[in-house]
N, C-alpha and C. Protein backbone atom coordinates (compact mmCIF):
# COMPACT_ATOMS: atom_id res chain seq x y z
N LEU A 1 0.90 -1.17 -0.03
CA LEU A 1 0.03 0.00 -0.01
C LEU A 1 0.85 1.27 0.04
N LYS A 2 1.93 1.22 0.84
CA LYS A 2 2.78 2.39 0.86
C LYS A 2 3.52 2.73 -0.50
N ASN A 3 3.89 1.55 -1.21
CA ASN A 3 4.56 1.69 -2.40
C ASN A 3 3.59 2.25 -3.55
N LYS A 4 2.33 1.76 -3.48
CA LYS A 4 1.33 2.21 -4.38
C LYS A 4 1.02 3.66 -4.18
N LEU A 5 0.96 4.10 -3.00
CA LEU A 5 0.58 5.43 -2.72
C LEU A 5 1.72 6.42 -3.11
N SER A 6 2.92 6.10 -2.84
CA SER A 6 4.14 6.89 -3.15
C SER A 6 4.32 6.98 -4.71
N SER A 7 3.96 5.90 -5.41
CA SER A 7 4.17 5.90 -6.83
C SER A 7 2.96 6.33 -7.63
N SER A 8 1.87 6.72 -6.94
CA SER A 8 0.49 6.99 -7.66
C SER A 8 0.61 8.19 -8.57
N VAL A 9 -0.09 8.01 -9.62
CA VAL A 9 -0.28 9.10 -10.55
C VAL A 9 -1.74 9.61 -10.57
N ILE A 10 -2.52 8.88 -9.66
CA ILE A 10 -3.96 9.31 -9.73
C ILE A 10 -4.08 10.42 -8.63
N ASN A 11 -4.93 11.27 -8.87
CA ASN A 11 -5.19 12.40 -7.94
C ASN A 11 -6.69 12.53 -7.68
N SER A 12 -7.01 13.47 -6.70
CA SER A 12 -8.40 13.63 -6.31
C SER A 12 -9.32 14.13 -7.44
N SER A 13 -8.79 15.03 -8.25
CA SER A 13 -9.68 15.61 -9.39
C SER A 13 -10.07 14.49 -10.36
N ILE A 14 -9.20 13.49 -10.54
CA ILE A 14 -9.58 12.32 -11.40
C ILE A 14 -10.62 11.43 -10.65
N LEU A 15 -10.28 11.11 -9.42
CA LEU A 15 -11.08 10.18 -8.60
C LEU A 15 -12.39 10.76 -8.32
N LEU A 16 -12.51 12.04 -8.12
CA LEU A 16 -13.78 12.65 -7.83
C LEU A 16 -14.41 13.45 -8.80
N SER A 17 -14.05 13.14 -10.07
CA SER A 17 -14.55 13.99 -11.21
C SER A 17 -16.14 13.76 -11.40
N LYS A 18 -16.65 12.60 -10.97
CA LYS A 18 -18.12 12.43 -11.03
C LYS A 18 -18.91 12.62 -9.78
N SER A 19 -18.09 13.09 -8.78
CA SER A 19 -18.73 13.30 -7.47
C SER A 19 -19.31 14.71 -7.44
N LYS A 20 -20.36 14.88 -6.53
CA LYS A 20 -21.00 16.19 -6.42
C LYS A 20 -20.47 16.81 -5.11
N ILE A 21 -20.28 18.20 -5.08
CA ILE A 21 -19.91 18.82 -3.94
C ILE A 21 -20.81 20.13 -3.84
N PHE A 22 -20.91 20.71 -2.63
CA PHE A 22 -21.78 21.84 -2.36
C PHE A 22 -21.28 23.07 -3.22
N ASN A 23 -20.03 23.24 -3.19
CA ASN A 23 -19.55 24.51 -4.00
C ASN A 23 -18.15 24.22 -4.56
N SER A 24 -17.70 24.96 -5.43
CA SER A 24 -16.49 24.73 -6.20
C SER A 24 -15.32 25.12 -5.35
N TYR A 25 -15.59 25.90 -4.24
CA TYR A 25 -14.43 26.15 -3.34
C TYR A 25 -13.76 24.99 -2.79
N PHE A 26 -14.47 23.84 -2.62
CA PHE A 26 -13.86 22.67 -2.03
C PHE A 26 -12.83 22.20 -2.96
N LYS A 27 -12.86 22.41 -4.22
CA LYS A 27 -11.77 21.96 -5.11
C LYS A 27 -10.49 22.69 -5.00
N GLU A 28 -10.59 23.87 -4.29
CA GLU A 28 -9.42 24.59 -4.06
C GLU A 28 -8.76 24.38 -2.65
N THR A 29 -9.35 23.51 -1.87
CA THR A 29 -8.79 23.21 -0.50
C THR A 29 -7.54 22.28 -0.66
N SER A 30 -6.69 22.42 0.34
CA SER A 30 -5.54 21.60 0.38
C SER A 30 -5.83 20.09 0.49
N GLU A 31 -6.91 19.84 1.07
CA GLU A 31 -7.41 18.38 1.22
C GLU A 31 -7.63 17.78 -0.08
N TYR A 32 -8.40 18.50 -1.02
CA TYR A 32 -8.72 18.06 -2.27
C TYR A 32 -7.50 17.98 -3.20
N LYS A 33 -6.64 18.96 -3.14
CA LYS A 33 -5.41 19.02 -3.94
C LYS A 33 -4.28 18.06 -3.53
N ASP A 34 -4.39 17.46 -2.28
CA ASP A 34 -3.39 16.58 -1.75
C ASP A 34 -3.37 15.20 -2.55
N ASN A 35 -2.20 14.85 -3.06
CA ASN A 35 -2.14 13.66 -3.85
C ASN A 35 -2.18 12.41 -2.85
N PHE A 36 -2.08 12.59 -1.62
CA PHE A 36 -2.11 11.39 -0.78
C PHE A 36 -3.41 11.26 0.11
N TYR A 37 -4.19 12.18 0.11
CA TYR A 37 -5.38 12.19 0.99
C TYR A 37 -6.46 11.26 0.42
N PHE A 38 -7.27 11.76 -0.51
CA PHE A 38 -8.38 10.86 -1.16
C PHE A 38 -7.78 9.69 -1.91
N PRO A 39 -6.71 9.96 -2.65
CA PRO A 39 -6.07 8.71 -3.37
C PRO A 39 -5.66 7.48 -2.35
N PHE A 40 -5.40 7.86 -1.14
CA PHE A 40 -5.04 6.76 -0.14
C PHE A 40 -6.17 5.74 -0.13
N TYR A 41 -7.41 6.33 -0.03
CA TYR A 41 -8.55 5.35 0.02
C TYR A 41 -8.85 4.60 -1.23
N TYR A 42 -8.50 5.20 -2.28
CA TYR A 42 -8.63 4.43 -3.63
C TYR A 42 -7.58 3.21 -3.55
N HIS A 43 -6.34 3.44 -3.14
CA HIS A 43 -5.40 2.40 -3.04
C HIS A 43 -5.77 1.33 -1.95
N LEU A 44 -6.32 1.86 -0.86
CA LEU A 44 -6.77 0.96 0.14
C LEU A 44 -7.84 -0.06 -0.33
N GLY A 45 -8.69 0.47 -1.22
CA GLY A 45 -9.71 -0.36 -1.81
C GLY A 45 -9.13 -1.57 -2.57
N PHE A 46 -8.04 -1.37 -3.27
CA PHE A 46 -7.32 -2.38 -3.97
C PHE A 46 -6.81 -3.55 -3.06
N GLN A 47 -6.34 -3.07 -1.93
CA GLN A 47 -5.72 -3.93 -0.94
C GLN A 47 -6.54 -4.71 0.00
N THR A 48 -7.81 -4.46 0.05
CA THR A 48 -8.72 -4.93 1.02
C THR A 48 -9.91 -5.62 0.43
N ASN A 49 -10.65 -6.43 1.18
CA ASN A 49 -11.79 -7.06 0.68
C ASN A 49 -13.03 -7.10 1.55
N PRO A 50 -13.39 -5.93 2.12
CA PRO A 50 -14.57 -6.01 3.02
C PRO A 50 -15.92 -6.13 2.32
N LYS A 51 -16.84 -6.69 2.88
CA LYS A 51 -18.21 -6.68 2.37
C LYS A 51 -18.97 -5.57 3.11
N LYS A 52 -18.85 -5.46 4.45
CA LYS A 52 -19.54 -4.38 5.24
C LYS A 52 -18.60 -3.45 5.71
N VAL A 53 -18.81 -2.13 5.38
CA VAL A 53 -17.95 -1.08 5.97
C VAL A 53 -18.75 -0.12 6.78
N CYS A 54 -18.33 0.36 7.86
CA CYS A 54 -18.87 1.46 8.72
C CYS A 54 -17.84 2.56 8.70
N GLN A 55 -18.37 3.79 8.50
CA GLN A 55 -17.50 4.99 8.52
C GLN A 55 -18.11 6.03 9.29
N ILE A 56 -17.46 6.49 10.33
CA ILE A 56 -17.80 7.62 11.18
C ILE A 56 -17.12 8.77 10.61
N GLY A 57 -17.86 9.79 10.15
CA GLY A 57 -17.36 11.01 9.56
C GLY A 57 -17.60 11.00 8.00
N SER A 58 -18.67 11.58 7.56
CA SER A 58 -19.09 11.33 6.16
C SER A 58 -18.22 11.83 5.14
N LYS A 59 -17.58 12.95 5.27
CA LYS A 59 -16.68 13.58 4.27
C LYS A 59 -17.51 13.66 2.92
N LEU A 60 -18.83 13.89 2.98
CA LEU A 60 -19.72 14.12 1.71
C LEU A 60 -19.79 12.82 0.98
N GLY A 61 -19.34 11.70 1.47
CA GLY A 61 -19.34 10.44 0.72
C GLY A 61 -18.18 10.21 -0.19
N LEU A 62 -17.23 11.26 -0.17
CA LEU A 62 -16.10 11.23 -1.05
C LEU A 62 -15.04 10.17 -0.85
N ILE A 63 -14.88 9.83 0.48
CA ILE A 63 -13.99 8.68 0.74
C ILE A 63 -14.46 7.37 0.25
N GLY A 64 -15.86 7.23 0.36
CA GLY A 64 -16.48 5.92 -0.08
C GLY A 64 -16.34 5.95 -1.60
N ALA A 65 -16.58 7.16 -2.35
CA ALA A 65 -16.49 7.29 -3.73
C ALA A 65 -15.14 6.79 -4.22
N CYS A 66 -14.04 7.16 -3.58
CA CYS A 66 -12.71 6.81 -3.88
C CYS A 66 -12.47 5.36 -3.71
N PHE A 67 -12.79 4.89 -2.45
CA PHE A 67 -12.60 3.39 -2.10
C PHE A 67 -13.27 2.43 -3.06
N LEU A 68 -14.56 2.83 -3.40
CA LEU A 68 -15.35 1.91 -4.25
C LEU A 68 -14.98 1.96 -5.67
N GLN A 69 -14.17 2.85 -6.16
CA GLN A 69 -13.60 2.75 -7.52
C GLN A 69 -12.76 1.61 -7.71
N SER A 70 -12.06 1.23 -6.67
CA SER A 70 -11.11 0.13 -6.74
C SER A 70 -11.59 -1.12 -6.10
N ASN A 71 -12.54 -1.10 -5.28
CA ASN A 71 -13.10 -2.29 -4.54
C ASN A 71 -14.55 -2.52 -4.94
N LYS A 72 -14.71 -3.74 -5.54
CA LYS A 72 -16.09 -4.05 -5.97
C LYS A 72 -16.66 -5.15 -5.08
N ASN A 73 -16.16 -5.38 -3.93
CA ASN A 73 -16.70 -6.40 -2.98
C ASN A 73 -17.59 -5.93 -2.02
N VAL A 74 -17.57 -4.60 -1.78
CA VAL A 74 -18.39 -4.02 -0.60
C VAL A 74 -19.98 -4.15 -1.03
N GLU A 75 -20.68 -4.62 -0.12
CA GLU A 75 -22.14 -4.76 -0.36
C GLU A 75 -22.92 -3.66 0.44
N ASP A 76 -22.39 -3.36 1.65
CA ASP A 76 -23.11 -2.31 2.44
C ASP A 76 -22.06 -1.38 3.00
N TRP A 77 -22.47 -0.03 2.92
CA TRP A 77 -21.60 1.05 3.46
C TRP A 77 -22.48 1.89 4.29
N ILE A 78 -22.15 1.81 5.61
CA ILE A 78 -22.94 2.51 6.65
C ILE A 78 -22.14 3.83 7.07
N ILE A 79 -22.70 4.92 6.89
CA ILE A 79 -22.14 6.19 7.34
C ILE A 79 -22.77 6.64 8.68
N MET A 80 -21.96 6.81 9.59
CA MET A 80 -22.52 7.48 10.96
C MET A 80 -21.87 8.77 11.14
N ASP A 81 -22.68 9.76 11.32
CA ASP A 81 -22.21 11.07 11.52
C ASP A 81 -23.33 11.93 12.28
N GLU A 82 -23.03 13.18 12.56
CA GLU A 82 -24.03 14.01 13.15
C GLU A 82 -24.87 14.59 12.12
N ILE A 83 -25.30 13.79 11.22
CA ILE A 83 -26.23 14.15 10.13
C ILE A 83 -27.67 14.26 10.61
N GLU A 84 -28.22 15.35 10.37
CA GLU A 84 -29.69 15.49 10.77
C GLU A 84 -30.47 14.74 9.71
N GLU A 85 -31.25 13.78 10.19
CA GLU A 85 -32.11 13.06 9.15
C GLU A 85 -33.11 14.02 8.39
N ALA A 86 -33.38 15.12 8.98
CA ALA A 86 -34.30 16.13 8.37
C ALA A 86 -33.63 16.87 7.16
N VAL A 87 -32.29 16.83 7.15
CA VAL A 87 -31.53 17.53 6.06
C VAL A 87 -31.40 16.51 4.91
N ASN A 88 -32.32 16.12 4.13
CA ASN A 88 -32.31 15.17 3.11
C ASN A 88 -31.25 15.46 2.12
N SER A 89 -31.01 16.77 1.76
CA SER A 89 -30.15 17.08 0.75
C SER A 89 -28.71 16.63 1.00
N SER A 90 -28.36 16.73 2.26
CA SER A 90 -26.96 16.30 2.59
C SER A 90 -26.91 14.73 2.55
N ILE A 91 -27.93 14.07 3.11
CA ILE A 91 -27.94 12.58 3.09
C ILE A 91 -27.96 12.16 1.59
N ASN A 92 -28.76 12.81 0.71
CA ASN A 92 -28.85 12.36 -0.67
C ASN A 92 -27.52 12.60 -1.39
N LEU A 93 -26.86 13.74 -1.05
CA LEU A 93 -25.49 14.05 -1.72
C LEU A 93 -24.47 12.94 -1.27
N ILE A 94 -24.49 12.57 -0.01
CA ILE A 94 -23.63 11.49 0.48
C ILE A 94 -23.83 10.14 -0.30
N LYS A 95 -25.14 9.76 -0.27
CA LYS A 95 -25.47 8.58 -0.93
C LYS A 95 -25.16 8.55 -2.46
N SER A 96 -25.42 9.68 -3.12
CA SER A 96 -25.18 9.86 -4.50
C SER A 96 -23.68 9.67 -4.81
N ASN A 97 -22.78 10.33 -4.03
CA ASN A 97 -21.39 10.24 -4.21
C ASN A 97 -20.87 8.86 -4.08
N ILE A 98 -21.37 8.12 -3.09
CA ILE A 98 -20.95 6.78 -2.89
C ILE A 98 -21.37 5.87 -3.97
N LYS A 99 -22.65 5.99 -4.35
CA LYS A 99 -23.34 5.16 -5.35
C LYS A 99 -22.91 5.49 -6.84
N THR A 100 -22.12 6.57 -7.01
CA THR A 100 -21.57 6.84 -8.41
C THR A 100 -20.75 5.78 -8.88
N HIS A 101 -20.04 5.05 -8.03
CA HIS A 101 -19.12 4.09 -8.58
C HIS A 101 -19.44 2.66 -8.20
N SER A 102 -20.62 2.42 -7.59
CA SER A 102 -20.98 1.15 -7.04
C SER A 102 -22.37 0.99 -6.77
N LYS A 103 -22.95 -0.20 -6.79
CA LYS A 103 -24.36 -0.41 -6.52
C LYS A 103 -24.42 -0.85 -4.99
N VAL A 104 -23.54 -0.46 -4.18
CA VAL A 104 -23.52 -0.77 -2.72
C VAL A 104 -24.82 -0.20 -2.08
N ASN A 105 -25.32 -0.92 -1.04
CA ASN A 105 -26.28 -0.35 -0.15
C ASN A 105 -25.72 0.68 0.68
N VAL A 106 -26.32 1.86 0.75
CA VAL A 106 -25.75 3.00 1.56
C VAL A 106 -26.83 3.40 2.64
N ASP A 107 -26.35 3.51 3.86
CA ASP A 107 -27.31 3.96 4.81
C ASP A 107 -26.55 5.00 5.63
N CYS A 108 -27.23 6.17 5.84
CA CYS A 108 -26.68 7.29 6.66
C CYS A 108 -27.49 7.43 7.95
N ILE A 109 -26.78 7.35 9.06
CA ILE A 109 -27.37 7.31 10.35
C ILE A 109 -26.80 8.41 11.18
N ASN A 110 -27.65 9.08 11.98
CA ASN A 110 -27.26 10.09 12.88
C ASN A 110 -26.61 9.45 14.08
N ILE A 111 -25.38 9.69 14.32
CA ILE A 111 -24.54 8.83 15.29
C ILE A 111 -25.11 9.10 16.69
N ASN A 112 -25.64 10.26 16.99
CA ASN A 112 -26.10 10.64 18.31
C ASN A 112 -27.36 9.77 18.80
N ASN A 113 -28.01 9.19 17.81
CA ASN A 113 -29.21 8.27 18.12
C ASN A 113 -28.89 6.86 18.08
N SER A 114 -27.60 6.53 17.61
CA SER A 114 -27.41 5.12 17.18
C SER A 114 -26.39 4.28 17.81
N LEU A 115 -25.44 4.80 18.67
CA LEU A 115 -24.38 4.00 19.14
C LEU A 115 -24.75 2.76 19.89
N LYS A 116 -25.82 2.93 20.67
CA LYS A 116 -26.35 1.85 21.40
C LYS A 116 -27.25 0.91 20.82
N ASN A 117 -27.76 1.29 19.59
CA ASN A 117 -28.79 0.54 18.86
C ASN A 117 -28.30 -0.30 17.66
N ILE A 118 -27.06 -0.18 17.42
CA ILE A 118 -26.50 -0.85 16.18
C ILE A 118 -26.05 -2.30 16.64
N ASP A 119 -26.54 -3.28 15.92
CA ASP A 119 -26.24 -4.65 16.22
C ASP A 119 -25.51 -5.35 15.08
N MET A 120 -25.04 -4.57 14.16
CA MET A 120 -24.30 -5.11 13.01
C MET A 120 -22.81 -5.25 13.26
N PHE A 121 -22.17 -6.09 12.46
CA PHE A 121 -20.71 -6.23 12.65
C PHE A 121 -20.13 -5.94 11.18
N PHE A 122 -18.94 -5.37 11.15
CA PHE A 122 -18.37 -4.98 9.93
C PHE A 122 -16.95 -5.65 9.67
N ASP A 123 -16.61 -5.64 8.44
CA ASP A 123 -15.26 -6.14 7.90
C ASP A 123 -14.19 -5.02 8.02
N MET A 124 -14.72 -3.76 7.88
CA MET A 124 -13.80 -2.57 8.06
C MET A 124 -14.60 -1.40 8.69
N CYS A 125 -13.93 -0.84 9.57
CA CYS A 125 -14.48 0.47 10.20
C CYS A 125 -13.51 1.57 10.04
N MET A 126 -14.06 2.70 9.72
CA MET A 126 -13.18 3.92 9.49
C MET A 126 -13.67 5.04 10.39
N LEU A 127 -12.69 5.78 10.97
CA LEU A 127 -12.92 7.00 11.74
C LEU A 127 -12.34 8.02 10.86
N THR A 128 -13.05 8.86 10.09
CA THR A 128 -12.48 9.69 9.06
C THR A 128 -12.68 11.18 9.27
N ASP A 129 -12.89 11.67 10.47
CA ASP A 129 -13.01 12.96 10.75
C ASP A 129 -12.33 13.32 12.08
N ASN A 130 -12.16 14.60 12.38
CA ASN A 130 -11.31 15.07 13.59
C ASN A 130 -12.39 15.40 14.68
N PHE A 131 -12.44 14.53 15.63
CA PHE A 131 -13.33 14.66 16.74
C PHE A 131 -12.59 15.05 18.02
N SER A 132 -13.35 15.31 19.10
CA SER A 132 -12.88 15.72 20.33
C SER A 132 -12.22 14.48 20.86
N GLU A 133 -11.36 14.60 21.88
CA GLU A 133 -10.71 13.39 22.54
C GLU A 133 -11.80 12.51 23.17
N GLU A 134 -12.75 13.06 23.81
CA GLU A 134 -13.79 12.24 24.39
C GLU A 134 -14.56 11.54 23.43
N LYS A 135 -15.04 12.07 22.28
CA LYS A 135 -15.76 11.37 21.34
C LYS A 135 -14.90 10.45 20.47
N THR A 136 -13.63 10.80 20.29
CA THR A 136 -12.80 9.70 19.75
C THR A 136 -12.73 8.50 20.50
N LYS A 137 -12.47 8.53 21.74
CA LYS A 137 -12.38 7.35 22.63
C LYS A 137 -13.75 6.47 22.58
N ILE A 138 -14.95 7.13 22.65
CA ILE A 138 -16.14 6.52 22.45
C ILE A 138 -16.29 5.87 21.08
N TYR A 139 -15.86 6.59 20.04
CA TYR A 139 -16.10 6.07 18.70
C TYR A 139 -15.17 4.82 18.45
N LEU A 140 -13.93 4.95 18.93
CA LEU A 140 -12.87 3.84 18.80
C LEU A 140 -13.48 2.59 19.41
N GLU A 141 -13.94 2.70 20.66
CA GLU A 141 -14.55 1.55 21.40
C GLU A 141 -15.67 0.99 20.60
N PHE A 142 -16.59 1.85 20.19
CA PHE A 142 -17.74 1.40 19.39
C PHE A 142 -17.32 0.68 18.10
N LEU A 143 -16.48 1.23 17.40
CA LEU A 143 -16.03 0.62 16.17
C LEU A 143 -15.32 -0.76 16.37
N TRP A 144 -14.45 -0.86 17.39
CA TRP A 144 -13.79 -2.07 17.69
C TRP A 144 -14.82 -3.16 18.12
N SER A 145 -15.87 -2.75 18.89
CA SER A 145 -16.80 -3.80 19.35
C SER A 145 -17.69 -4.26 18.22
N HIS A 146 -17.76 -3.58 17.11
CA HIS A 146 -18.56 -3.93 15.91
C HIS A 146 -17.71 -4.38 14.74
N LEU A 147 -16.55 -4.68 15.05
CA LEU A 147 -15.60 -5.15 13.94
C LEU A 147 -15.48 -6.70 13.99
N ASN A 148 -15.59 -7.27 12.84
CA ASN A 148 -15.47 -8.70 12.80
C ASN A 148 -13.98 -9.05 13.12
N LYS A 149 -13.76 -10.31 13.40
CA LYS A 149 -12.41 -10.88 13.66
C LYS A 149 -11.62 -10.65 12.37
N GLU A 150 -10.39 -10.31 12.42
CA GLU A 150 -9.60 -10.03 11.33
C GLU A 150 -10.03 -8.71 10.51
N GLY A 151 -11.04 -8.12 10.94
CA GLY A 151 -11.48 -6.73 10.38
C GLY A 151 -10.49 -5.72 10.48
N LEU A 152 -10.52 -4.74 9.77
CA LEU A 152 -9.58 -3.59 9.81
C LEU A 152 -10.23 -2.28 10.45
N LEU A 153 -9.47 -1.69 11.29
CA LEU A 153 -9.94 -0.35 11.87
C LEU A 153 -9.03 0.70 11.23
N VAL A 154 -9.52 1.70 10.51
CA VAL A 154 -8.72 2.78 9.82
C VAL A 154 -9.02 3.99 10.53
N ILE A 155 -8.01 4.67 11.00
CA ILE A 155 -8.24 5.96 11.74
C ILE A 155 -7.37 7.14 11.05
N ASP A 156 -8.16 8.13 10.62
CA ASP A 156 -7.58 9.23 10.10
C ASP A 156 -7.26 10.34 11.05
N TYR A 157 -6.54 11.36 10.79
CA TYR A 157 -6.20 12.49 11.60
C TYR A 157 -5.31 12.13 12.86
N ILE A 158 -4.44 11.10 12.66
CA ILE A 158 -3.70 10.73 13.87
C ILE A 158 -2.49 11.65 14.02
N GLN A 159 -2.17 12.59 13.09
CA GLN A 159 -1.12 13.47 13.34
C GLN A 159 -1.47 14.75 14.17
N ASN A 160 -2.85 14.87 14.43
CA ASN A 160 -3.43 16.04 15.06
C ASN A 160 -3.39 15.83 16.54
N GLY A 161 -2.44 16.48 17.34
CA GLY A 161 -2.43 16.51 18.74
C GLY A 161 -2.48 15.16 19.44
N PHE A 162 -3.60 14.99 20.16
CA PHE A 162 -3.83 13.87 21.00
C PHE A 162 -4.07 12.48 20.22
N MET A 163 -4.49 12.68 19.02
CA MET A 163 -5.02 11.49 18.24
C MET A 163 -3.98 10.25 18.17
N LYS A 164 -2.69 10.59 17.88
CA LYS A 164 -1.70 9.57 17.71
C LYS A 164 -1.62 8.87 19.05
N ASP A 165 -1.36 9.69 20.15
CA ASP A 165 -1.11 9.07 21.49
C ASP A 165 -2.41 8.21 21.83
N LEU A 166 -3.56 8.68 21.64
CA LEU A 166 -4.78 8.04 21.86
C LEU A 166 -4.91 6.75 21.06
N PHE A 167 -4.55 6.84 19.86
CA PHE A 167 -4.59 5.63 19.03
C PHE A 167 -3.55 4.51 19.46
N GLU A 168 -2.34 4.97 19.77
CA GLU A 168 -1.36 4.07 20.21
C GLU A 168 -1.76 3.38 21.51
N GLU A 169 -2.27 4.17 22.46
CA GLU A 169 -2.78 3.70 23.77
C GLU A 169 -3.83 2.61 23.51
N PHE A 170 -4.76 3.01 22.60
CA PHE A 170 -5.83 2.09 22.33
C PHE A 170 -5.33 0.75 21.83
N CYS A 171 -4.41 0.91 20.75
CA CYS A 171 -3.82 -0.39 20.29
C CYS A 171 -3.06 -1.23 21.34
N GLN A 172 -2.46 -0.50 22.17
CA GLN A 172 -1.60 -1.24 23.20
C GLN A 172 -2.60 -1.95 24.18
N ILE A 173 -3.67 -1.33 24.55
CA ILE A 173 -4.72 -1.99 25.43
C ILE A 173 -5.22 -3.23 24.65
N LYS A 174 -5.46 -3.09 23.39
CA LYS A 174 -6.11 -4.23 22.64
C LYS A 174 -4.99 -5.23 22.18
N ASN A 175 -3.75 -5.01 22.61
CA ASN A 175 -2.58 -5.87 22.20
C ASN A 175 -2.44 -6.06 20.72
N ARG A 176 -2.43 -4.81 20.11
CA ARG A 176 -2.25 -4.85 18.59
C ARG A 176 -1.18 -3.84 18.22
N ILE A 177 -0.65 -4.09 17.09
CA ILE A 177 0.39 -3.14 16.61
C ILE A 177 -0.12 -2.50 15.35
N PRO A 178 -0.22 -1.13 15.37
CA PRO A 178 -0.85 -0.43 14.15
C PRO A 178 0.26 -0.28 13.06
N VAL A 179 -0.22 0.06 11.88
CA VAL A 179 0.59 0.37 10.78
C VAL A 179 0.22 1.85 10.42
N TYR A 180 1.18 2.63 10.19
CA TYR A 180 0.97 4.08 9.91
C TYR A 180 1.26 4.45 8.41
N PHE A 181 0.55 5.40 7.99
CA PHE A 181 0.70 5.94 6.57
C PHE A 181 0.83 7.40 6.57
N LYS A 182 1.82 7.88 5.93
CA LYS A 182 2.08 9.32 5.81
C LYS A 182 1.05 9.95 4.79
N THR A 183 0.00 10.48 5.18
CA THR A 183 -0.92 11.12 4.34
C THR A 183 -1.06 12.56 4.87
N ARG A 184 -1.90 13.38 4.44
CA ARG A 184 -2.03 14.71 4.85
C ARG A 184 -2.19 14.83 6.31
N TYR A 185 -3.08 13.92 6.93
CA TYR A 185 -3.33 14.03 8.33
C TYR A 185 -2.84 12.90 9.09
N GLY A 186 -2.23 11.84 8.41
CA GLY A 186 -1.73 10.60 8.96
C GLY A 186 -2.84 9.62 9.22
N ILE A 187 -2.61 8.49 8.85
CA ILE A 187 -3.62 7.41 8.92
C ILE A 187 -2.98 6.19 9.59
N GLY A 188 -3.74 5.50 10.47
CA GLY A 188 -3.27 4.36 11.17
C GLY A 188 -4.34 3.24 10.90
N ILE A 189 -3.78 2.08 10.75
CA ILE A 189 -4.72 0.91 10.50
C ILE A 189 -4.25 -0.17 11.46
N VAL A 190 -5.22 -0.82 12.10
CA VAL A 190 -4.94 -1.97 12.98
C VAL A 190 -5.93 -3.10 12.64
N THR A 191 -5.50 -4.36 12.82
CA THR A 191 -6.36 -5.52 12.64
C THR A 191 -6.92 -5.96 13.89
N ARG A 192 -8.19 -6.40 13.91
CA ARG A 192 -8.83 -6.86 15.04
C ARG A 192 -8.37 -8.22 15.52
């Protein structure tokens, strides 16, 4: 994965050319222009084989759009975020971006109403947004408890302050050794 990422010639503008965004300003952000941020998820899709994915942090469905261009095995993609179910335009945009490249079942769930009510298990779980330390701890435990054996936990934003220490401590408690990738914000992956 590290070799593919470092030698990649694919960029976000190619990967997300069919995706919808709220305004053109997003295409000018450093996140969009970074050759390692969204393309990482495209390369991760080649290297993994999940059927059920849970993602906390919607990122407008753009991470799913990148991942699913290279991975055709996913059947269900569950997004958990602080999405208000009443804001259908946001949910429709997320679903549309993910379904642009796949016929995957997509469900968007308001995380504030769901943590205790989810009884599904996943082959891959992703934490792809920058949350507070308290929320991050809660989300890590939730994702770990809903991850199938040998499933992958993917954590973004581990270069930001407390995140790397928190993730390393979490892995140590779970008796796991994470693998790190140098992307815009740093990504860590650990196997259950």
